[in-house]
N, C-alpha and C. Protein backbone atom coordinates (compact mmCIF):
# COMPACT_ATOMS: atom_id res chain seq x y z
N UNK A 1 0.84 -1.19 -0.05
CA UNK A 1 -0.01 -0.04 0.00
C UNK A 1 0.94 1.26 -0.01
N UNK A 2 0.58 2.27 -0.75
CA UNK A 2 1.34 3.49 -0.85
C UNK A 2 1.24 4.26 0.40
N UNK A 3 2.21 5.11 0.65
CA UNK A 3 2.20 5.97 1.79
C UNK A 3 1.05 7.01 1.62
N UNK A 4 0.54 7.52 2.80
CA UNK A 4 -0.46 8.59 2.75
C UNK A 4 0.15 9.80 1.92
N UNK A 5 -0.66 10.59 1.32
CA UNK A 5 -0.22 11.66 0.47
C UNK A 5 0.74 12.68 1.15
N UNK A 6 0.44 13.05 2.40
CA UNK A 6 1.36 13.99 3.11
C UNK A 6 2.71 13.42 3.27
N UNK A 7 2.72 12.09 3.67
CA UNK A 7 4.08 11.42 3.88
C UNK A 7 4.82 11.28 2.55
N UNK A 8 4.08 10.85 1.47
CA UNK A 8 4.66 10.74 0.19
C UNK A 8 5.31 12.05 -0.27
N UNK A 9 4.68 13.17 0.03
CA UNK A 9 5.08 14.48 -0.36
C UNK A 9 6.40 14.83 0.44
N UNK A 10 6.46 14.36 1.62
CA UNK A 10 7.71 14.64 2.47
C UNK A 10 8.86 13.84 1.84
N UNK A 11 8.52 12.56 1.58
CA UNK A 11 9.52 11.69 0.99
C UNK A 11 10.06 12.30 -0.36
N UNK A 12 9.13 12.78 -1.13
CA UNK A 12 9.62 13.36 -2.42
C UNK A 12 10.49 14.62 -2.18
N UNK A 13 10.15 15.40 -1.13
CA UNK A 13 10.86 16.66 -0.86
C UNK A 13 12.24 16.22 -0.46
N UNK A 14 12.51 15.24 0.38
CA UNK A 14 13.85 14.80 0.78
C UNK A 14 14.56 14.23 -0.47
N UNK A 15 13.92 13.52 -1.32
CA UNK A 15 14.49 12.97 -2.49
C UNK A 15 15.07 13.96 -3.48
N UNK A 16 14.57 15.15 -3.40
CA UNK A 16 15.02 16.18 -4.24
C UNK A 16 16.44 16.76 -3.86
N UNK A 17 16.83 16.41 -2.68
CA UNK A 17 18.14 16.96 -2.16
C UNK A 17 19.32 16.14 -2.91
N UNK A 18 20.43 16.79 -3.11
CA UNK A 18 21.54 16.09 -3.79
C UNK A 18 22.10 14.94 -3.00
N UNK A 19 22.19 13.79 -3.64
CA UNK A 19 22.85 12.68 -2.95
C UNK A 19 21.86 11.93 -2.12
N UNK A 20 20.63 12.26 -2.16
CA UNK A 20 19.57 11.55 -1.34
C UNK A 20 18.73 10.68 -2.26
N UNK A 21 18.77 9.44 -2.18
CA UNK A 21 17.96 8.46 -2.89
C UNK A 21 16.60 8.23 -2.27
N UNK A 22 15.78 7.47 -2.96
CA UNK A 22 14.46 7.14 -2.48
C UNK A 22 14.49 6.57 -1.07
N UNK A 23 15.38 5.49 -0.87
CA UNK A 23 15.34 4.79 0.45
C UNK A 23 15.77 5.78 1.51
N UNK A 24 16.81 6.47 1.31
CA UNK A 24 17.28 7.46 2.33
C UNK A 24 16.18 8.58 2.64
N UNK A 25 15.48 8.95 1.63
CA UNK A 25 14.32 9.88 1.78
C UNK A 25 13.27 9.32 2.61
N UNK A 26 12.93 8.03 2.38
CA UNK A 26 11.92 7.41 3.25
C UNK A 26 12.38 7.30 4.69
N UNK A 27 13.62 6.93 4.92
CA UNK A 27 14.12 6.85 6.33
C UNK A 27 14.05 8.27 7.05
N UNK A 28 14.45 9.33 6.29
CA UNK A 28 14.37 10.60 6.89
C UNK A 28 13.01 11.12 7.25
N UNK A 29 12.07 10.73 6.33
CA UNK A 29 10.71 11.16 6.50
C UNK A 29 10.08 10.39 7.66
N UNK A 30 10.32 9.02 7.78
CA UNK A 30 9.75 8.30 8.83
C UNK A 30 10.40 8.66 10.13
N UNK A 31 11.68 9.00 10.20
CA UNK A 31 12.27 9.49 11.41
C UNK A 31 11.68 10.76 11.92
N UNK A 32 11.28 11.66 11.03
CA UNK A 32 10.70 12.86 11.48
C UNK A 32 9.31 12.59 12.08
N UNK A 33 8.60 11.64 11.59
CA UNK A 33 7.29 11.31 12.04
C UNK A 33 7.44 10.66 13.48
N UNK A 34 8.51 9.89 13.71
CA UNK A 34 8.66 9.21 14.99
C UNK A 34 9.12 10.15 16.11
N UNK A 35 10.01 11.12 15.67
CA UNK A 35 10.67 11.97 16.66
C UNK A 35 10.20 13.33 16.59
N UNK A 36 9.28 13.81 17.49
CA UNK A 36 8.69 15.16 17.48
C UNK A 36 9.88 16.19 17.48
N UNK A 37 10.99 16.01 18.11
CA UNK A 37 12.00 17.02 18.11
C UNK A 37 12.55 17.26 16.77
N UNK A 38 12.44 16.31 15.83
CA UNK A 38 12.94 16.55 14.51
C UNK A 38 12.17 17.57 13.71
N UNK A 39 10.98 17.91 14.18
CA UNK A 39 10.11 18.83 13.47
C UNK A 39 10.57 20.26 13.44
N UNK A 40 11.63 20.50 14.27
CA UNK A 40 12.23 21.90 14.15
C UNK A 40 12.90 22.11 12.82
N UNK A 41 13.06 20.96 12.05
CA UNK A 41 13.75 21.16 10.70
C UNK A 41 12.90 22.02 9.85
N UNK A 42 11.58 21.87 9.84
CA UNK A 42 10.76 22.70 9.06
C UNK A 42 10.87 24.13 9.36
N UNK A 43 10.88 24.50 10.66
CA UNK A 43 11.02 25.85 11.02
C UNK A 43 12.38 26.39 10.62
N UNK A 44 13.41 25.59 10.83
CA UNK A 44 14.79 26.02 10.48
C UNK A 44 14.86 26.28 8.96
N UNK A 45 14.23 25.49 8.18
CA UNK A 45 14.27 25.72 6.72
C UNK A 45 13.65 27.05 6.42
N UNK A 46 12.49 27.27 6.95
CA UNK A 46 11.66 28.53 6.66
C UNK A 46 12.57 29.73 7.06
N UNK A 47 13.14 29.63 8.24
CA UNK A 47 13.97 30.79 8.73
C UNK A 47 15.21 31.03 7.80
N UNK A 48 15.80 29.95 7.42
CA UNK A 48 17.09 30.10 6.61
C UNK A 48 16.65 30.71 5.31
N UNK A 49 15.54 30.27 4.66
CA UNK A 49 15.11 30.79 3.38
C UNK A 49 14.68 32.25 3.44
N UNK A 50 14.02 32.54 4.59
CA UNK A 50 13.46 33.90 4.78
C UNK A 50 14.56 34.92 5.14
N UNK A 51 15.54 34.52 6.00
CA UNK A 51 16.44 35.49 6.52
C UNK A 51 17.81 35.55 5.92
N UNK A 52 18.09 34.73 4.89
CA UNK A 52 19.35 34.73 4.22
C UNK A 52 19.19 35.22 2.79
N UNK A 53 20.28 35.74 2.25
CA UNK A 53 20.28 36.12 0.81
C UNK A 53 21.65 35.86 0.17
N UNK A 54 21.86 36.32 -1.03
CA UNK A 54 23.16 36.15 -1.65
C UNK A 54 23.80 37.48 -1.77
N UNK A 55 24.98 37.61 -1.43
CA UNK A 55 25.82 38.82 -1.52
C UNK A 55 25.81 39.33 -2.97
N UNK A 56 25.44 40.52 -3.21
CA UNK A 56 25.47 41.00 -4.62
C UNK A 56 26.87 41.24 -5.21
N UNK A 57 27.92 41.10 -4.29
CA UNK A 57 29.29 41.26 -4.79
C UNK A 57 29.95 39.91 -5.00
N UNK A 58 30.01 39.09 -3.90
CA UNK A 58 30.68 37.82 -3.97
C UNK A 58 29.79 36.59 -4.09
N UNK A 59 28.45 36.78 -4.03
CA UNK A 59 27.46 35.67 -4.19
C UNK A 59 27.51 34.72 -2.96
N UNK A 60 28.21 35.05 -1.93
CA UNK A 60 28.11 34.14 -0.80
C UNK A 60 26.77 34.28 -0.05
N UNK A 61 26.43 33.35 0.82
CA UNK A 61 25.22 33.39 1.54
C UNK A 61 25.47 34.36 2.73
N UNK A 62 24.48 35.24 2.97
CA UNK A 62 24.62 36.18 4.08
C UNK A 62 23.28 36.65 4.57
N UNK A 63 23.34 37.51 5.55
CA UNK A 63 22.15 38.05 6.21
C UNK A 63 21.93 39.52 5.67
N UNK A 64 23.03 40.20 5.43
CA UNK A 64 22.98 41.53 4.94
C UNK A 64 23.71 41.69 3.59
N UNK A 65 23.36 42.56 2.78
CA UNK A 65 23.98 42.77 1.51
C UNK A 65 24.55 44.15 1.48
N UNK A 66 25.88 44.37 1.17
CA UNK A 66 26.95 43.32 0.95
C UNK A 66 27.16 42.48 2.24
N UNK A 67 27.85 41.36 2.04
CA UNK A 67 28.15 40.54 3.24
C UNK A 67 29.14 41.10 4.15
N UNK A 68 29.38 40.52 5.25
CA UNK A 68 30.35 41.02 6.28
C UNK A 68 31.78 41.14 5.70
N UNK A 69 32.12 40.21 4.86
CA UNK A 69 33.51 40.10 4.35
C UNK A 69 33.67 41.23 3.29
N UNK A 70 32.69 41.38 2.35
CA UNK A 70 32.85 42.39 1.31
C UNK A 70 32.75 43.76 1.78
N UNK A 71 32.06 44.01 2.96
CA UNK A 71 31.96 45.29 3.52
C UNK A 71 33.01 45.65 4.60
N UNK A 72 33.94 44.65 4.77
CA UNK A 72 35.05 44.88 5.73
C UNK A 72 36.16 45.67 5.06
N UNK A 73 36.43 46.89 5.54
CA UNK A 73 37.51 47.72 4.90
C UNK A 73 38.91 47.17 5.11
N UNK A 74 39.00 46.27 6.11
CA UNK A 74 40.32 45.68 6.40
C UNK A 74 40.75 44.61 5.48
N UNK A 75 39.78 44.06 4.71
CA UNK A 75 40.10 43.01 3.76
C UNK A 75 40.69 43.50 2.52
N UNK A 76 41.63 42.69 1.96
CA UNK A 76 42.37 43.15 0.79
C UNK A 76 41.46 42.99 -0.43
N UNK A 77 40.95 44.08 -0.92
CA UNK A 77 39.97 43.98 -2.12
C UNK A 77 40.70 43.68 -3.42
N UNK A 78 42.03 43.74 -3.43
CA UNK A 78 42.77 43.47 -4.71
C UNK A 78 42.98 42.03 -4.97
N UNK A 79 42.67 41.20 -3.97
CA UNK A 79 42.90 39.75 -4.21
C UNK A 79 41.50 38.98 -3.89
N UNK A 80 41.18 38.16 -4.88
CA UNK A 80 39.99 37.40 -4.77
C UNK A 80 40.20 35.91 -4.89
N UNK A 81 39.74 35.14 -3.90
CA UNK A 81 39.78 33.69 -3.92
C UNK A 81 38.49 33.19 -4.35
N UNK A 82 38.54 32.51 -5.58
CA UNK A 82 37.39 32.00 -6.08
C UNK A 82 37.10 30.54 -5.67
N UNK A 83 35.96 30.24 -5.06
CA UNK A 83 35.68 28.86 -4.54
C UNK A 83 34.29 28.46 -5.04
N UNK A 84 34.01 27.17 -4.90
CA UNK A 84 32.84 26.59 -5.40
C UNK A 84 31.54 26.81 -4.52
N UNK A 85 31.81 26.67 -3.23
CA UNK A 85 30.59 26.70 -2.39
C UNK A 85 30.78 27.54 -1.16
N UNK A 86 29.70 28.04 -0.54
CA UNK A 86 29.79 28.84 0.72
C UNK A 86 30.59 28.06 1.77
N UNK A 87 30.45 26.70 1.84
CA UNK A 87 31.13 25.90 2.88
C UNK A 87 32.64 26.04 2.73
N UNK A 88 33.13 26.36 1.54
CA UNK A 88 34.54 26.51 1.30
C UNK A 88 34.99 27.89 1.97
N UNK A 89 34.18 28.88 1.83
CA UNK A 89 34.50 30.13 2.47
C UNK A 89 34.65 29.93 4.03
N UNK A 90 33.60 29.21 4.50
CA UNK A 90 33.57 28.93 5.96
C UNK A 90 34.91 28.27 6.44
N UNK A 91 35.36 27.26 5.65
CA UNK A 91 36.47 26.51 6.01
C UNK A 91 37.81 27.45 5.98
N UNK A 92 37.91 28.20 4.92
CA UNK A 92 39.05 29.13 4.85
C UNK A 92 39.02 30.18 5.97
N UNK A 93 37.90 30.71 6.21
CA UNK A 93 37.68 31.69 7.33
C UNK A 93 37.99 31.15 8.62
N UNK A 94 37.58 29.89 8.88
CA UNK A 94 37.87 29.21 10.21
C UNK A 94 39.39 29.05 10.35
N UNK A 95 40.03 28.74 9.27
CA UNK A 95 41.57 28.60 9.33
C UNK A 95 42.26 29.90 9.45
N UNK A 96 41.56 30.98 9.14
CA UNK A 96 42.18 32.34 9.33
C UNK A 96 43.47 32.52 8.41
N UNK A 97 43.44 32.14 7.21
CA UNK A 97 44.70 32.13 6.41
C UNK A 97 44.52 33.03 5.13
N UNK A 98 43.42 33.69 4.93
CA UNK A 98 43.13 34.43 3.72
C UNK A 98 42.79 35.88 4.17
N UNK A 99 43.57 36.87 3.73
CA UNK A 99 43.27 38.28 4.05
C UNK A 99 42.37 38.97 2.99
N UNK A 100 42.20 38.35 1.84
CA UNK A 100 41.49 38.98 0.82
C UNK A 100 40.01 38.75 0.79
N UNK A 101 39.31 38.87 -0.32
CA UNK A 101 37.91 38.61 -0.48
C UNK A 101 37.62 37.41 -1.31
N UNK A 102 36.42 37.15 -1.49
CA UNK A 102 35.99 35.85 -2.20
C UNK A 102 35.14 36.09 -3.32
N UNK A 103 34.93 34.99 -4.15
CA UNK A 103 33.82 34.96 -5.13
C UNK A 103 33.37 33.56 -5.09
N UNK A 104 32.03 33.40 -4.86
CA UNK A 104 31.45 31.92 -4.71
C UNK A 104 30.73 31.64 -5.98
N UNK A 105 31.17 30.48 -6.62
CA UNK A 105 30.46 30.07 -7.81
C UNK A 105 29.10 29.40 -7.57
N UNK A 106 28.88 28.85 -6.38
CA UNK A 106 27.70 28.21 -6.07
C UNK A 106 27.57 26.86 -6.94
N UNK A 107 28.63 26.17 -6.99
CA UNK A 107 28.54 24.92 -7.69
C UNK A 107 29.84 24.65 -8.51
N UNK A 108 29.80 23.54 -9.22
CA UNK A 108 30.94 23.20 -10.12
C UNK A 108 30.36 22.69 -11.42
N UNK A 109 31.25 22.54 -12.39
CA UNK A 109 30.84 22.09 -13.79
C UNK A 109 31.16 20.75 -13.96
N UNK A 110 30.12 19.85 -14.26
CA UNK A 110 30.31 18.44 -14.55
C UNK A 110 29.97 18.17 -15.99
N UNK A 111 30.91 18.19 -16.91
CA UNK A 111 30.51 18.04 -18.33
C UNK A 111 29.99 16.58 -18.54
N UNK A 112 30.30 15.60 -17.80
CA UNK A 112 29.82 14.21 -18.05
C UNK A 112 28.37 14.15 -17.82
N UNK A 113 27.84 15.03 -16.95
CA UNK A 113 26.42 14.99 -16.61
C UNK A 113 25.68 16.13 -17.32
N UNK A 114 26.38 16.74 -18.25
CA UNK A 114 25.68 17.83 -18.98
C UNK A 114 25.39 18.95 -18.12
N UNK A 115 26.09 19.35 -17.06
CA UNK A 115 25.79 20.41 -16.17
C UNK A 115 25.83 21.74 -16.90
N UNK A 116 24.83 22.62 -16.58
CA UNK A 116 24.81 23.97 -17.18
C UNK A 116 25.79 24.92 -16.58
N UNK A 117 26.40 25.60 -17.48
CA UNK A 117 27.49 26.65 -17.05
C UNK A 117 26.83 27.85 -16.53
N UNK A 118 25.52 28.09 -16.96
CA UNK A 118 24.82 29.44 -16.61
C UNK A 118 24.58 29.53 -15.12
N UNK A 119 24.49 28.37 -14.36
CA UNK A 119 24.14 28.53 -12.99
C UNK A 119 25.41 28.92 -12.15
N UNK A 120 26.55 28.89 -12.73
CA UNK A 120 27.71 29.27 -11.97
C UNK A 120 27.97 30.76 -12.06
N UNK A 121 28.60 31.28 -11.09
CA UNK A 121 28.73 32.77 -10.92
C UNK A 121 29.90 33.30 -11.64
N UNK A 122 30.25 32.72 -12.80
CA UNK A 122 31.40 33.24 -13.41
C UNK A 122 31.21 34.64 -14.00
N UNK A 123 30.01 34.91 -14.50
CA UNK A 123 29.76 36.32 -15.01
C UNK A 123 29.89 37.31 -14.00
N UNK A 124 29.57 37.10 -12.74
CA UNK A 124 29.71 38.04 -11.71
C UNK A 124 31.12 38.38 -11.37
N UNK A 125 32.00 37.36 -11.51
CA UNK A 125 33.45 37.46 -11.39
C UNK A 125 34.00 38.40 -12.45
N UNK A 126 33.58 38.12 -13.67
CA UNK A 126 34.07 38.94 -14.80
C UNK A 126 33.69 40.36 -14.63
N UNK A 127 32.46 40.58 -14.19
CA UNK A 127 31.93 41.96 -13.94
C UNK A 127 32.81 42.68 -12.88
N UNK A 128 33.29 41.92 -11.91
CA UNK A 128 34.11 42.54 -10.84
C UNK A 128 35.50 42.91 -11.41
N UNK A 129 36.00 41.93 -12.27
CA UNK A 129 37.28 42.20 -12.84
C UNK A 129 37.26 43.36 -13.82
N UNK A 130 36.18 43.47 -14.67
CA UNK A 130 36.12 44.60 -15.62
C UNK A 130 35.90 45.91 -14.91
N UNK A 131 35.05 45.88 -13.71
CA UNK A 131 34.89 47.11 -13.08
C UNK A 131 36.13 47.59 -12.41
N UNK A 132 37.03 46.63 -11.92
CA UNK A 132 38.24 47.06 -11.32
C UNK A 132 39.23 47.58 -12.21
N UNK A 133 39.11 47.25 -13.59
CA UNK A 133 39.99 47.75 -14.58
C UNK A 133 39.67 49.15 -15.03
N UNK A 134 38.46 49.65 -14.66
CA UNK A 134 38.03 51.05 -15.08
C UNK A 134 38.51 51.97 -14.11
N UNK A 135 38.62 53.25 -14.43
CA UNK A 135 39.04 54.38 -13.61
C UNK A 135 38.11 54.46 -12.40
N UNK A 136 38.67 54.54 -11.21
CA UNK A 136 37.82 54.67 -10.06
C UNK A 136 37.42 53.38 -9.39
N UNK A 137 37.64 52.23 -10.12
CA UNK A 137 37.20 50.95 -9.56
C UNK A 137 38.25 50.33 -8.70
N UNK A 138 37.86 49.37 -7.91
CA UNK A 138 38.86 48.66 -7.09
C UNK A 138 39.62 47.70 -7.88
N UNK A 139 40.88 48.05 -8.17
CA UNK A 139 41.75 47.30 -9.08
C UNK A 139 42.00 45.85 -8.42
N UNK A 140 41.76 44.81 -9.24
CA UNK A 140 42.09 43.46 -8.80
C UNK A 140 43.42 42.99 -9.28
N UNK A 141 44.36 42.66 -8.36
CA UNK A 141 45.73 42.31 -8.77
C UNK A 141 45.95 40.85 -8.95
N UNK A 142 45.10 40.04 -8.18
CA UNK A 142 45.29 38.60 -8.20
C UNK A 142 43.93 37.93 -8.01
N UNK A 143 43.78 36.87 -8.77
CA UNK A 143 42.58 36.00 -8.68
C UNK A 143 43.13 34.57 -8.41
N UNK A 144 42.73 33.99 -7.17
CA UNK A 144 43.19 32.76 -6.81
C UNK A 144 42.11 31.74 -7.11
N UNK A 145 42.42 30.70 -7.94
CA UNK A 145 41.32 29.71 -8.26
C UNK A 145 41.48 28.52 -7.25
N UNK A 146 40.45 28.43 -6.38
CA UNK A 146 40.48 27.46 -5.24
C UNK A 146 39.50 26.33 -5.42
N UNK A 147 39.41 25.68 -6.60
CA UNK A 147 38.43 24.66 -6.84
C UNK A 147 38.96 23.36 -6.25
N UNK A 148 38.04 22.41 -6.02
CA UNK A 148 38.39 21.10 -5.50
C UNK A 148 39.31 20.38 -6.45
N UNK A 149 40.28 19.55 -6.00
CA UNK A 149 41.15 18.83 -6.92
C UNK A 149 40.54 17.53 -7.43
N UNK A 150 39.42 17.65 -8.17
CA UNK A 150 38.70 16.54 -8.77
C UNK A 150 38.39 16.94 -10.23
N UNK A 151 37.72 16.03 -10.89
CA UNK A 151 37.40 16.25 -12.23
C UNK A 151 36.51 17.48 -12.47
N UNK A 152 35.49 17.59 -11.61
CA UNK A 152 34.55 18.67 -11.72
C UNK A 152 35.28 19.97 -11.36
N UNK A 153 36.14 19.96 -10.43
CA UNK A 153 36.96 21.17 -10.08
C UNK A 153 37.86 21.63 -11.17
N UNK A 154 38.53 20.67 -11.83
CA UNK A 154 39.42 20.96 -12.91
C UNK A 154 38.62 21.59 -14.09
N UNK A 155 37.47 21.00 -14.43
CA UNK A 155 36.67 21.49 -15.46
C UNK A 155 36.12 22.94 -15.18
N UNK A 156 35.78 23.14 -13.96
CA UNK A 156 35.37 24.51 -13.49
C UNK A 156 36.53 25.49 -13.54
N UNK A 157 37.66 25.04 -13.18
CA UNK A 157 38.90 25.90 -13.09
C UNK A 157 39.22 26.33 -14.52
N UNK A 158 39.14 25.43 -15.56
CA UNK A 158 39.36 25.80 -16.95
C UNK A 158 38.34 26.85 -17.41
N UNK A 159 37.07 26.64 -17.07
CA UNK A 159 36.04 27.64 -17.57
C UNK A 159 36.33 28.97 -17.00
N UNK A 160 36.65 29.07 -15.71
CA UNK A 160 36.94 30.38 -15.08
C UNK A 160 38.16 31.03 -15.67
N UNK A 161 39.14 30.18 -15.91
CA UNK A 161 40.42 30.76 -16.47
C UNK A 161 40.16 31.20 -17.97
N UNK A 162 39.40 30.52 -18.75
CA UNK A 162 39.10 31.00 -20.04
C UNK A 162 38.35 32.33 -20.08
N UNK A 163 37.39 32.39 -19.10
CA UNK A 163 36.65 33.61 -19.00
C UNK A 163 37.46 34.74 -18.60
N UNK A 164 38.41 34.59 -17.73
CA UNK A 164 39.24 35.63 -17.25
C UNK A 164 40.13 36.09 -18.42
N UNK A 165 40.73 35.14 -19.15
CA UNK A 165 41.63 35.44 -20.22
C UNK A 165 40.93 36.18 -21.42
N UNK A 166 39.58 35.87 -21.54
CA UNK A 166 38.84 36.52 -22.65
C UNK A 166 38.61 38.08 -22.39
N UNK A 167 38.79 38.41 -21.20
CA UNK A 167 38.49 39.92 -20.93
C UNK A 167 39.73 40.75 -21.39
N UNK A 168 40.92 40.16 -21.43
CA UNK A 168 42.08 40.96 -21.80
C UNK A 168 42.61 41.82 -20.61
N UNK A 169 42.01 41.71 -19.55
CA UNK A 169 42.44 42.48 -18.33
C UNK A 169 43.71 41.91 -17.81
N UNK A 170 44.68 42.70 -17.48
CA UNK A 170 45.93 42.18 -16.96
C UNK A 170 45.72 41.89 -15.44
N UNK A 171 45.75 40.67 -15.10
CA UNK A 171 45.62 40.22 -13.68
C UNK A 171 46.46 38.94 -13.41
N UNK A 172 47.03 38.85 -12.29
CA UNK A 172 47.71 37.57 -11.95
C UNK A 172 46.69 36.51 -11.54
N UNK A 173 46.75 35.37 -12.21
CA UNK A 173 45.87 34.18 -11.89
C UNK A 173 46.74 33.08 -11.38
N UNK A 174 46.40 32.66 -10.18
CA UNK A 174 47.05 31.52 -9.51
C UNK A 174 46.07 30.42 -9.05
N UNK A 175 46.59 29.35 -8.62
CA UNK A 175 45.69 28.29 -8.07
C UNK A 175 46.28 27.79 -6.82
N UNK A 176 45.47 27.24 -6.00
CA UNK A 176 45.93 26.79 -4.71
C UNK A 176 46.85 25.60 -4.89
N UNK A 177 47.99 25.64 -4.13
CA UNK A 177 48.88 24.43 -4.22
C UNK A 177 48.27 23.20 -3.77
N UNK A 178 48.67 22.14 -4.41
CA UNK A 178 48.08 20.78 -4.02
C UNK A 178 49.27 19.81 -3.79
N UNK A 179 49.03 18.97 -2.83
CA UNK A 179 50.04 17.96 -2.45
C UNK A 179 49.41 16.87 -1.52
N UNK A 180 50.26 16.26 -0.87
CA UNK A 180 49.81 15.19 0.02
C UNK A 180 49.30 15.76 1.34
N UNK A 181 47.96 15.60 1.63
CA UNK A 181 47.44 16.16 2.89
C UNK A 181 47.97 15.33 4.09
N UNK A 182 48.26 16.06 5.15
CA UNK A 182 48.62 15.38 6.43
C UNK A 182 47.60 14.48 6.93
N UNK A 183 47.92 13.25 7.43
CA UNK A 183 46.97 12.42 7.96
C UNK A 183 46.19 11.56 6.99
N UNK A 184 46.45 11.66 5.76
CA UNK A 184 45.70 10.82 4.79
C UNK A 184 46.68 9.85 4.12
N UNK A 185 46.20 8.64 3.80
CA UNK A 185 46.93 7.61 3.14
C UNK A 185 47.04 7.82 1.66
N UNK A 186 48.14 7.49 0.96
CA UNK A 186 48.20 7.69 -0.41
C UNK A 186 47.12 6.94 -1.20
N UNK A 187 46.75 5.76 -0.70
CA UNK A 187 45.75 4.93 -1.42
C UNK A 187 44.32 5.65 -1.48
N UNK A 188 44.23 6.72 -0.75
CA UNK A 188 42.87 7.35 -0.68
C UNK A 188 42.93 8.71 -1.50
N UNK A 189 44.01 9.01 -2.04
CA UNK A 189 44.17 10.27 -2.74
C UNK A 189 43.72 10.28 -4.18
N UNK A 190 43.20 11.40 -4.61
CA UNK A 190 42.73 11.59 -5.98
C UNK A 190 44.04 11.56 -6.85
N UNK A 191 43.81 11.06 -8.16
CA UNK A 191 44.90 10.96 -9.10
C UNK A 191 45.54 12.38 -9.22
N UNK A 192 44.70 13.44 -9.41
CA UNK A 192 45.30 14.73 -9.70
C UNK A 192 46.15 15.25 -8.53
N UNK A 193 45.82 14.86 -7.24
CA UNK A 193 46.52 15.25 -6.06
C UNK A 193 47.93 14.62 -6.15
N UNK A 194 47.92 13.25 -6.50
CA UNK A 194 49.18 12.46 -6.51
C UNK A 194 50.08 13.07 -7.64
N UNK A 195 49.56 13.43 -8.77
CA UNK A 195 50.21 13.99 -9.93
C UNK A 195 50.95 15.30 -9.45
N UNK A 196 50.17 16.17 -8.80
CA UNK A 196 50.83 17.47 -8.35
C UNK A 196 51.84 17.15 -7.26
N UNK A 197 51.62 16.23 -6.38
CA UNK A 197 52.56 15.99 -5.27
C UNK A 197 53.91 15.49 -5.92
N UNK A 198 53.80 14.67 -6.89
CA UNK A 198 55.03 14.14 -7.54
C UNK A 198 55.73 15.22 -8.39
N UNK A 199 54.94 15.99 -9.11
CA UNK A 199 55.41 16.96 -10.02
C UNK A 199 56.10 18.17 -9.14
N UNK A 200 55.57 18.46 -8.04
CA UNK A 200 56.06 19.54 -7.19
C UNK A 200 56.96 19.02 -6.05
N UNK A 201 57.54 17.82 -6.16
CA UNK A 201 58.31 17.35 -5.11
C UNK A 201 59.52 18.18 -4.81
N UNK A 202 59.96 18.18 -3.60
CA UNK A 202 61.05 19.04 -3.19
C UNK A 202 62.25 18.19 -2.63
N UNK A 203 63.51 18.61 -2.93
CA UNK A 203 64.66 17.81 -2.41
C UNK A 203 64.76 17.89 -0.83
N UNK A 204 65.26 16.81 -0.29
CA UNK A 204 65.50 16.81 1.21
C UNK A 204 66.99 17.17 1.57
N UNK A 205 67.82 16.92 0.55
CA UNK A 205 69.26 17.13 0.72
C UNK A 205 69.77 17.85 -0.55
N UNK A 206 70.69 18.76 -0.32
CA UNK A 206 71.38 19.46 -1.43
C UNK A 206 72.67 18.74 -1.79
N UNK A 207 72.85 18.57 -3.05
CA UNK A 207 74.07 17.88 -3.50
C UNK A 207 75.03 18.87 -4.17
């Protein structure tokens, strides 16, 4: 017998989330019905949708526009770190290692799945670059491409790089260094990470 319509609608809603299949969606929906405390999820979703927005400059998720980072005069506006997701901004900020600003693409490009390029925030980055090249604009000296070291990240990096080069604006473009992460076994590393680690190997002794 099929689930009641309200429960089926909840299952369908969970199944729309990335990485959530039908079985997982069913377990999540049934858990919410069993545990009254889980029902705060609905209110949390409503609050998040109502009280957050996208920064008109960097496209990160924020409460006020422009976001706290873009409106901070202490941040180096001449350097932009381009990342795929807001969670990447959170990670870098938690590490306290980047003094510049950000640009969030809100996703990556997966050519194998026919992913659309339009949903990425590349156009906004180019607008910032062009605006900085005009008189009176905040000149951008460096753009750091901080995509994930996987196939989707590499495809996204190439798209962004091509878009930057097509502007003709003189700007330094770099990418995050990649190598062997501490605490991880070689057998678990992505091929691209191993390639970079071998290519950028350093001598231990001078001869």
